[in-house]
Structure formats: structure tokens, C-alpha cells
């Protein structure tokens, strides 16, 4: 499937430059109807081609003016042939191809990076669901209006939390692992955009900690929890 789409990504440049045969053009137009990524690619390539075409026209006009001025200034020289302008056109055409190829390479990298990110996120969510369905439930205490389900699966702790309060600007959620001697931030802070409909799910390595705590924090990052505690889980206490 990915290899098939790469073919359409290659066809995008030919579509913009008018270099596709009838079959390829019809196939690509049909693909565009259902592919938002390729429509965006074509729009950006067309904008780039238009800008470069305008630059070529300006350069051609300047070249013609310079040639005419030089001819009038020195009547002893024969009128210049079209070779000089032709070289400029070849150079500009080469730049157009290079820039379009660069744009295509950027899009390919962008699409591959996005696909890798989506795949990684989907894999993380899938592993969380697997652990929630097969792990050993443990006791979870939650703030008013918040509910949590937490399980231990080997060295991993998986959790799903709902009813979380809406985060204000500058606020974040943080997941901590605690024992008598240390506090460990179990992953990066969770911004408001990552909390969909007041729900949060994930899994972390328990690191032999006694407690898992989820807090609502604001301000600078601290080495230990200092905000409102929303969920507290005793990792050694089965439900």
C-alpha cells in the first residue's frame, strides 16, 4: 500500500509540469479525489512552479533589455544570438526541476515522519489496551468526579482515567512514581491538547515504586509533585 502511494507522490511533479501521459494523468486525477495529502502536495507544487515561472519571465525581460542596451552601445559588435538567453532558460528550468524535486523529497519525508508518529502512537495505545485487559487490577483512589482503572502487568503499570478537569492555560498533567526515597516523573508532562474529553490512558514501567500518582500542575517543572492530586494508586495493593 505504501509503495503504491509513493508512485502517486512521484506522479505529482509530472502532473504539475504536464509531463504525464493520458493514462497516468487520468489515474492521478482519480487518486486526487480521495487523497488529501496529494491534493495538498499538488497545491504547494503549483504555487512553487508559479513563483518560479514569474521569476523566469522577469529574468527573460531583464536579459532582453540588457542585450538591446549592449547592442546599441557598441554597434561594432554583431547582434547577439539567442544563445545567451537560451542558457539562462536552461539554467532556470534546471532550478525549477531541482526545487520541485526538493519539494517532493520534503513531502516524502514529512509523510513518512507523520506515518511513523501515527504508527508509534497507535502501537502505544494498543499496548496500553492489551495490558488493561490482561493485567492485575489494583486499588485506585481518585479525586471527586474522576474515575480511574489501573492494572499491573509484570513490570508495567497501565491506567485509564476519565472525568479529568479541563486544564487551564499553562496547566498540565504529570504522572509520578513514588517511594520513600524518590519521586520519578514517569514520562513527559501531558498538555491540555492531549487530554481528549477529560480522558487519559497510558502505561509506564513501575521502577519498583510504591505509588503511582497523577497530578495537575502549573508553573515550572519541579523534581516532585506539588500540584493537585487527581489519582493515587498503591502499586502493591490488589483490588
C-alpha atoms as a PDB file:
ATOM      1  CA  UNK A   1       0.000   0.000   0.000  1.00  0.00           C
ATOM      2  CA  UNK A   2       2.787   2.384   0.902  1.00  0.00           C
ATOM      3  CA  UNK A   3       4.679   1.548  -2.294  1.00  0.00           C
ATOM      4  CA  UNK A   4       1.553   2.294  -4.338  1.00  0.00           C
ATOM      5  CA  UNK A   5       1.182   5.703  -2.727  1.00  0.00           C
ATOM      6  CA  UNK A   6       4.845   6.514  -3.337  1.00  0.00           C
ATOM      7  CA  UNK A   7       4.077   6.099  -7.043  1.00  0.00           C
ATOM      8  CA  UNK A   8       1.406   8.790  -6.786  1.00  0.00           C
ATOM      9  CA  UNK A   9       3.834  11.034  -4.906  1.00  0.00           C
ATOM     10  CA  UNK A  10       6.202  10.727  -7.878  1.00  0.00           C
ATOM     11  CA  UNK A  11       3.364  11.424 -10.321  1.00  0.00           C
ATOM     12  CA  UNK A  12       2.539  14.695  -8.509  1.00  0.00           C
ATOM     13  CA  UNK A  13       5.509  16.511 -10.063  1.00  0.00           C
ATOM     14  CA  UNK A  14       4.671  15.275 -13.559  1.00  0.00           C
ATOM     15  CA  UNK A  15       1.054  16.308 -13.004  1.00  0.00           C
ATOM     16  CA  UNK A  16       2.081  19.870 -12.124  1.00  0.00           C
ATOM     17  CA  UNK A  17       4.583  20.115 -15.024  1.00  0.00           C
ATOM     18  CA  UNK A  18       2.209  18.474 -17.522  1.00  0.00           C
ATOM     19  CA  UNK A  19       4.527  15.539 -18.145  1.00  0.00           C
ATOM     20  CA  UNK A  20       2.108  12.627 -17.593  1.00  0.00           C
ATOM     21  CA  UNK A  21       0.691  10.546 -20.407  1.00  0.00           C
ATOM     22  CA  UNK A  22      -3.078  10.209 -20.744  1.00  0.00           C
ATOM     23  CA  UNK A  23      -3.327   7.027 -18.645  1.00  0.00           C
ATOM     24  CA  UNK A  24      -1.149   8.340 -15.815  1.00  0.00           C
ATOM     25  CA  UNK A  25      -2.982  11.682 -15.807  1.00  0.00           C
ATOM     26  CA  UNK A  26      -6.395  10.010 -15.553  1.00  0.00           C
ATOM     27  CA  UNK A  27      -5.164   7.650 -12.831  1.00  0.00           C
ATOM     28  CA  UNK A  28      -3.650  10.504 -10.812  1.00  0.00           C
ATOM     29  CA  UNK A  29      -6.766  12.690 -11.098  1.00  0.00           C
ATOM     30  CA  UNK A  30      -8.874   9.806  -9.803  1.00  0.00           C
ATOM     31  CA  UNK A  31      -6.427   9.328  -6.895  1.00  0.00           C
ATOM     32  CA  UNK A  32      -6.614  13.039  -6.027  1.00  0.00           C
ATOM     33  CA  UNK A  33     -10.362  12.768  -5.381  1.00  0.00           C
ATOM     34  CA  UNK A  34      -9.720  10.596  -2.328  1.00  0.00           C
ATOM     35  CA  UNK A  35      -6.238  11.664  -1.156  1.00  0.00           C
ATOM     36  CA  UNK A  36      -5.977  14.893   0.827  1.00  0.00           C
ATOM     37  CA  UNK A  37      -2.184  14.586   1.168  1.00  0.00           C
ATOM     38  CA  UNK A  38      -1.663  14.506  -2.589  1.00  0.00           C
ATOM     39  CA  UNK A  39      -4.062  17.428  -3.092  1.00  0.00           C
ATOM     40  CA  UNK A  40      -2.013  19.483  -0.650  1.00  0.00           C
ATOM     41  CA  UNK A  41       1.191  18.401  -2.382  1.00  0.00           C
ATOM     42  CA  UNK A  42      -0.119  19.446  -5.810  1.00  0.00           C
ATOM     43  CA  UNK A  43      -1.288  22.820  -4.471  1.00  0.00           C
ATOM     44  CA  UNK A  44       2.126  23.569  -2.974  1.00  0.00           C
ATOM     45  CA  UNK A  45       3.988  22.419  -6.073  1.00  0.00           C
ATOM     46  CA  UNK A  46       1.757  24.584  -8.264  1.00  0.00           C
ATOM     47  CA  UNK A  47       2.447  27.623  -6.065  1.00  0.00           C
ATOM     48  CA  UNK A  48       6.160  26.942  -6.304  1.00  0.00           C
ATOM     49  CA  UNK A  49       6.032  26.458 -10.074  1.00  0.00           C
ATOM     50  CA  UNK A  50       4.055  29.707 -10.477  1.00  0.00           C
ATOM     51  CA  UNK A  51       6.602  31.655  -8.437  1.00  0.00           C
ATOM     52  CA  UNK A  52       9.477  30.237 -10.467  1.00  0.00           C
ATOM     53  CA  UNK A  53       7.691  30.912 -13.758  1.00  0.00           C
ATOM     54  CA  UNK A  54       7.227  34.552 -12.714  1.00  0.00           C
ATOM     55  CA  UNK A  55      10.909  34.747 -11.830  1.00  0.00           C
ATOM     56  CA  UNK A  56      11.795  33.291 -15.240  1.00  0.00           C
ATOM     57  CA  UNK A  57       9.665  35.885 -17.041  1.00  0.00           C
ATOM     58  CA  UNK A  58      11.317  38.692 -15.097  1.00  0.00           C
ATOM     59  CA  UNK A  59      14.770  37.300 -15.847  1.00  0.00           C
ATOM     60  CA  UNK A  60      13.948  36.962 -19.563  1.00  0.00           C
ATOM     61  CA  UNK A  61      12.727  40.557 -19.729  1.00  0.00           C
ATOM     62  CA  UNK A  62      15.852  41.842 -17.963  1.00  0.00           C
ATOM     63  CA  UNK A  63      18.076  39.800 -20.253  1.00  0.00           C
ATOM     64  CA  UNK A  64      16.405  41.177 -23.377  1.00  0.00           C
ATOM     65  CA  UNK A  65      16.738  44.751 -22.140  1.00  0.00           C
ATOM     66  CA  UNK A  66      20.402  44.228 -21.272  1.00  0.00           C
ATOM     67  CA  UNK A  67      21.068  42.683 -24.684  1.00  0.00           C
ATOM     68  CA  UNK A  68      19.400  45.555 -26.523  1.00  0.00           C
ATOM     69  CA  UNK A  69      21.276  48.158 -24.494  1.00  0.00           C
ATOM     70  CA  UNK A  70      24.578  46.418 -25.184  1.00  0.00           C
ATOM     71  CA  UNK A  71      23.786  46.224 -28.926  1.00  0.00           C
ATOM     72  CA  UNK A  72      23.018  49.921 -29.159  1.00  0.00           C
ATOM     73  CA  UNK A  73      26.026  50.853 -27.047  1.00  0.00           C
ATOM     74  CA  UNK A  74      28.505  49.039 -29.283  1.00  0.00           C
ATOM     75  CA  UNK A  75      27.358  48.995 -32.894  1.00  0.00           C
ATOM     76  CA  UNK A  76      30.605  47.297 -33.936  1.00  0.00           C
ATOM     77  CA  UNK A  77      29.594  44.045 -32.293  1.00  0.00           C
ATOM     78  CA  UNK A  78      27.230  41.791 -34.190  1.00  0.00           C
ATOM     79  CA  UNK A  79      23.771  41.463 -32.692  1.00  0.00           C
ATOM     80  CA  UNK A  80      23.790  38.795 -30.023  1.00  0.00           C
ATOM     81  CA  UNK A  81      22.275  35.458 -30.869  1.00  0.00           C
ATOM     82  CA  UNK A  82      19.704  33.737 -28.734  1.00  0.00           C
ATOM     83  CA  UNK A  83      22.362  31.521 -27.147  1.00  0.00           C
ATOM     84  CA  UNK A  84      22.800  33.605 -24.027  1.00  0.00           C
ATOM     85  CA  UNK A  85      19.099  33.736 -23.307  1.00  0.00           C
ATOM     86  CA  UNK A  86      18.815  30.049 -24.073  1.00  0.00           C
ATOM     87  CA  UNK A  87      21.464  29.240 -21.479  1.00  0.00           C
ATOM     88  CA  UNK A  88      19.581  31.304 -18.917  1.00  0.00           C
ATOM     89  CA  UNK A  89      16.380  29.461 -19.732  1.00  0.00           C
ATOM     90  CA  UNK A  90      18.096  26.117 -19.382  1.00  0.00           C
ATOM     91  CA  UNK A  91      19.528  27.206 -16.040  1.00  0.00           C
ATOM     92  CA  UNK A  92      16.172  28.421 -14.745  1.00  0.00           C
ATOM     93  CA  UNK A  93      14.466  25.266 -15.980  1.00  0.00           C
ATOM     94  CA  UNK A  94      17.075  23.231 -14.115  1.00  0.00           C
ATOM     95  CA  UNK A  95      16.402  25.237 -10.959  1.00  0.00           C
ATOM     96  CA  UNK A  96      12.651  24.595 -11.364  1.00  0.00           C
ATOM     97  CA  UNK A  97      13.231  20.841 -11.616  1.00  0.00           C
ATOM     98  CA  UNK A  98      15.638  20.848  -8.666  1.00  0.00           C
ATOM     99  CA  UNK A  99      13.284  22.852  -6.462  1.00  0.00           C
ATOM    100  CA  UNK A 100      10.304  20.712  -7.395  1.00  0.00           C
ATOM    101  CA  UNK A 101      12.321  17.598  -6.652  1.00  0.00           C
ATOM    102  CA  UNK A 102      13.367  19.126  -3.321  1.00  0.00           C
ATOM    103  CA  UNK A 103       9.744  19.924  -2.519  1.00  0.00           C
ATOM    104  CA  UNK A 104       8.776  16.350  -3.359  1.00  0.00           C
ATOM    105  CA  UNK A 105      11.570  14.992  -1.173  1.00  0.00           C
ATOM    106  CA  UNK A 106      10.378  17.228   1.687  1.00  0.00           C
ATOM    107  CA  UNK A 107       6.833  15.937   1.285  1.00  0.00           C
ATOM    108  CA  UNK A 108       8.048  12.351   1.227  1.00  0.00           C
ATOM    109  CA  UNK A 109       9.981  12.941   4.453  1.00  0.00           C
ATOM    110  CA  UNK A 110       7.002  14.749   6.003  1.00  0.00           C
ATOM    111  CA  UNK A 111       4.608  11.939   5.127  1.00  0.00           C
ATOM    112  CA  UNK A 112       6.987   9.238   6.315  1.00  0.00           C
ATOM    113  CA  UNK A 113       7.618  11.120   9.584  1.00  0.00           C
ATOM    114  CA  UNK A 114       3.895  11.627  10.164  1.00  0.00           C
ATOM    115  CA  UNK A 115       3.174   7.984   9.385  1.00  0.00           C
ATOM    116  CA  UNK A 116       5.899   6.870  11.788  1.00  0.00           C
ATOM    117  CA  UNK A 117       4.481   9.119  14.525  1.00  0.00           C
ATOM    118  CA  UNK A 118       0.947   7.824  13.987  1.00  0.00           C
ATOM    119  CA  UNK A 119       2.199   4.247  13.979  1.00  0.00           C
ATOM    120  CA  UNK A 120       4.135   4.775  17.197  1.00  0.00           C
ATOM    121  CA  UNK A 121       1.129   6.383  18.910  1.00  0.00           C
ATOM    122  CA  UNK A 122      -1.160   3.591  17.723  1.00  0.00           C
ATOM    123  CA  UNK A 123       1.304   0.982  18.982  1.00  0.00           C
ATOM    124  CA  UNK A 124       1.469   2.662  22.406  1.00  0.00           C
ATOM    125  CA  UNK A 125      -2.329   2.785  22.684  1.00  0.00           C
ATOM    126  CA  UNK A 126      -2.601  -0.824  21.570  1.00  0.00           C
ATOM    127  CA  UNK A 127      -0.112  -1.957  24.215  1.00  0.00           C
ATOM    128  CA  UNK A 128      -1.999   0.030  26.876  1.00  0.00           C
ATOM    129  CA  UNK A 129      -5.287  -1.673  25.921  1.00  0.00           C
ATOM    130  CA  UNK A 130      -3.631  -5.098  25.970  1.00  0.00           C
ATOM    131  CA  UNK A 131      -2.277  -4.534  29.469  1.00  0.00           C
ATOM    132  CA  UNK A 132      -5.569  -3.128  30.756  1.00  0.00           C
ATOM    133  CA  UNK A 133      -7.357  -6.253  29.551  1.00  0.00           C
ATOM    134  CA  UNK A 134      -4.849  -8.773  30.920  1.00  0.00           C
ATOM    135  CA  UNK A 135      -3.191  -7.151  33.954  1.00  0.00           C
ATOM    136  CA  UNK A 136      -3.940  -7.473  37.659  1.00  0.00           C
ATOM    137  CA  UNK A 137      -6.230  -4.642  38.886  1.00  0.00           C
ATOM    138  CA  UNK A 138      -5.023  -2.566  41.825  1.00  0.00           C
ATOM    139  CA  UNK A 139      -6.733  -0.085  44.131  1.00  0.00           C
ATOM    140  CA  UNK A 140      -7.000   3.436  42.698  1.00  0.00           C
ATOM    141  CA  UNK A 141      -8.109   6.466  44.707  1.00  0.00           C
ATOM    142  CA  UNK A 142      -9.380   9.385  42.625  1.00  0.00           C
ATOM    143  CA  UNK A 143     -10.463  12.973  43.239  1.00  0.00           C
ATOM    144  CA  UNK A 144     -14.152  13.846  43.200  1.00  0.00           C
ATOM    145  CA  UNK A 145     -15.618  13.423  39.720  1.00  0.00           C
ATOM    146  CA  UNK A 146     -12.586  11.480  38.492  1.00  0.00           C
ATOM    147  CA  UNK A 147     -12.528   7.715  37.968  1.00  0.00           C
ATOM    148  CA  UNK A 148      -9.512   5.502  37.320  1.00  0.00           C
ATOM    149  CA  UNK A 149      -8.829   1.896  36.440  1.00  0.00           C
ATOM    150  CA  UNK A 150      -5.261   0.692  36.964  1.00  0.00           C
ATOM    151  CA  UNK A 151      -3.615  -2.705  36.448  1.00  0.00           C
ATOM    152  CA  UNK A 152      -0.155  -4.185  36.928  1.00  0.00           C
ATOM    153  CA  UNK A 153       1.185  -6.332  34.116  1.00  0.00           C
ATOM    154  CA  UNK A 154       4.619  -7.624  35.030  1.00  0.00           C
ATOM    155  CA  UNK A 155       6.869  -4.571  35.443  1.00  0.00           C
ATOM    156  CA  UNK A 156       4.341  -2.291  33.729  1.00  0.00           C
ATOM    157  CA  UNK A 157       1.513  -0.225  35.182  1.00  0.00           C
ATOM    158  CA  UNK A 158      -1.344   0.584  32.796  1.00  0.00           C
ATOM    159  CA  UNK A 159      -4.061   3.114  33.608  1.00  0.00           C
ATOM    160  CA  UNK A 160      -7.128   4.734  32.133  1.00  0.00           C
ATOM    161  CA  UNK A 161      -8.604   7.841  33.761  1.00  0.00           C
ATOM    162  CA  UNK A 162     -11.836   9.670  32.932  1.00  0.00           C
ATOM    163  CA  UNK A 163     -13.640  12.727  34.286  1.00  0.00           C
ATOM    164  CA  UNK A 164     -10.437  14.761  34.456  1.00  0.00           C
ATOM    165  CA  UNK A 165     -10.970  18.506  34.937  1.00  0.00           C
ATOM    166  CA  UNK A 166     -10.437  20.832  31.988  1.00  0.00           C
ATOM    167  CA  UNK A 167      -6.921  22.236  32.070  1.00  0.00           C
ATOM    168  CA  UNK A 168      -6.445  25.991  32.025  1.00  0.00           C
ATOM    169  CA  UNK A 169      -3.728  27.756  30.044  1.00  0.00           C
ATOM    170  CA  UNK A 170      -0.311  26.806  31.409  1.00  0.00           C
ATOM    171  CA  UNK A 171      -1.595  23.741  33.271  1.00  0.00           C
ATOM    172  CA  UNK A 172      -0.551  20.144  32.641  1.00  0.00           C
ATOM    173  CA  UNK A 173      -0.977  16.627  33.971  1.00  0.00           C
ATOM    174  CA  UNK A 174       2.018  14.700  35.298  1.00  0.00           C
ATOM    175  CA  UNK A 175       2.393  11.012  36.129  1.00  0.00           C
ATOM    176  CA  UNK A 176       4.722  10.212  39.046  1.00  0.00           C
ATOM    177  CA  UNK A 177       6.219   7.093  40.582  1.00  0.00           C
ATOM    178  CA  UNK A 178       6.973   7.495  44.269  1.00  0.00           C
ATOM    179  CA  UNK A 179       8.525   5.640  47.155  1.00  0.00           C
ATOM    180  CA  UNK A 180      10.030   6.760  50.454  1.00  0.00           C
ATOM    181  CA  UNK A 181      13.283   7.920  48.881  1.00  0.00           C
ATOM    182  CA  UNK A 182      12.472   9.266  45.449  1.00  0.00           C
ATOM    183  CA  UNK A 183       9.972  10.827  43.071  1.00  0.00           C
ATOM    184  CA  UNK A 184      10.242   9.941  39.388  1.00  0.00           C
ATOM    185  CA  UNK A 185       8.451  11.760  36.602  1.00  0.00           C
ATOM    186  CA  UNK A 186       7.118   8.840  34.541  1.00  0.00           C
ATOM    187  CA  UNK A 187       7.190  10.400  31.087  1.00  0.00           C
ATOM    188  CA  UNK A 188       6.767  13.910  29.720  1.00  0.00           C
ATOM    189  CA  UNK A 189       4.078  16.260  31.068  1.00  0.00           C
ATOM    190  CA  UNK A 190       0.670  15.886  29.405  1.00  0.00           C
ATOM    191  CA  UNK A 191      -0.620  19.092  27.823  1.00  0.00           C
ATOM    192  CA  UNK A 192      -4.298  20.025  27.573  1.00  0.00           C
ATOM    193  CA  UNK A 193      -4.374  19.139  23.851  1.00  0.00           C
ATOM    194  CA  UNK A 194      -3.523  15.517  24.702  1.00  0.00           C
ATOM    195  CA  UNK A 195      -6.409  15.102  27.159  1.00  0.00           C
ATOM    196  CA  UNK A 196      -9.423  14.322  24.973  1.00  0.00           C
ATOM    197  CA  UNK A 197     -12.827  14.730  26.661  1.00  0.00           C
ATOM    198  CA  UNK A 198     -11.251  14.546  30.119  1.00  0.00           C
ATOM    199  CA  UNK A 199      -9.744  11.107  29.483  1.00  0.00           C
ATOM    200  CA  UNK A 200      -6.166   9.877  29.704  1.00  0.00           C
ATOM    201  CA  UNK A 201      -4.656   6.422  29.228  1.00  0.00           C
ATOM    202  CA  UNK A 202      -1.126   5.058  29.201  1.00  0.00           C
ATOM    203  CA  UNK A 203       1.369   2.633  30.641  1.00  0.00           C
ATOM    204  CA  UNK A 204       4.717   3.079  32.407  1.00  0.00           C
ATOM    205  CA  UNK A 205       7.476   0.942  33.878  1.00  0.00           C
ATOM    206  CA  UNK A 206       6.801   0.723  37.628  1.00  0.00           C
ATOM    207  CA  UNK A 207      10.544   1.056  38.508  1.00  0.00           C
ATOM    208  CA  UNK A 208       9.844  -0.810  41.767  1.00  0.00           C
ATOM    209  CA  UNK A 209       7.975   2.218  43.106  1.00  0.00           C
ATOM    210  CA  UNK A 210       5.321   2.054  45.837  1.00  0.00           C
ATOM    211  CA  UNK A 211       2.879   4.606  44.408  1.00  0.00           C
ATOM    212  CA  UNK A 212       1.682   5.945  41.086  1.00  0.00           C
ATOM    213  CA  UNK A 213       0.273   9.457  41.315  1.00  0.00           C
ATOM    214  CA  UNK A 214      -1.280  11.704  38.662  1.00  0.00           C
ATOM    215  CA  UNK A 215      -1.282  15.409  39.493  1.00  0.00           C
ATOM    216  CA  UNK A 216      -2.467  18.657  37.977  1.00  0.00           C
ATOM    217  CA  UNK A 217       0.478  21.046  37.821  1.00  0.00           C
ATOM    218  CA  UNK A 218       1.300  24.541  36.580  1.00  0.00           C
ATOM    219  CA  UNK A 219       4.397  26.730  36.504  1.00  0.00           C
ATOM    220  CA  UNK A 220       7.981  25.445  36.203  1.00  0.00           C
ATOM    221  CA  UNK A 221       8.791  21.746  36.237  1.00  0.00           C
ATOM    222  CA  UNK A 222       9.598  20.513  39.739  1.00  0.00           C
ATOM    223  CA  UNK A 223      11.507  17.368  40.797  1.00  0.00           C
ATOM    224  CA  UNK A 224       8.480  16.129  42.752  1.00  0.00           C
ATOM    225  CA  UNK A 225       4.692  16.581  42.677  1.00  0.00           C
ATOM    226  CA  UNK A 226       3.390  19.823  44.105  1.00  0.00           C
ATOM    227  CA  UNK A 227       0.010  20.351  42.454  1.00  0.00           C
ATOM    228  CA  UNK A 228      -3.471  18.916  42.946  1.00  0.00           C
ATOM    229  CA  UNK A 229      -3.510  15.142  43.274  1.00  0.00           C
ATOM    230  CA  UNK A 230      -6.109  13.573  40.973  1.00  0.00           C
ATOM    231  CA  UNK A 231      -5.229   9.857  41.169  1.00  0.00           C
ATOM    232  CA  UNK A 232      -3.272   7.839  43.737  1.00  0.00           C
ATOM    233  CA  UNK A 233      -2.505   4.138  43.292  1.00  0.00           C
ATOM    234  CA  UNK A 234      -0.821   1.813  45.770  1.00  0.00           C
ATOM    235  CA  UNK A 235       1.063  -0.492  43.453  1.00  0.00           C
ATOM    236  CA  UNK A 236       1.239  -3.301  45.972  1.00  0.00           C
ATOM    237  CA  UNK A 237      -2.474  -3.349  46.832  1.00  0.00           C
ATOM    238  CA  UNK A 238      -4.623  -5.643  44.639  1.00  0.00           C
ATOM    239  CA  UNK A 239      -8.231  -4.642  44.028  1.00  0.00           C
END
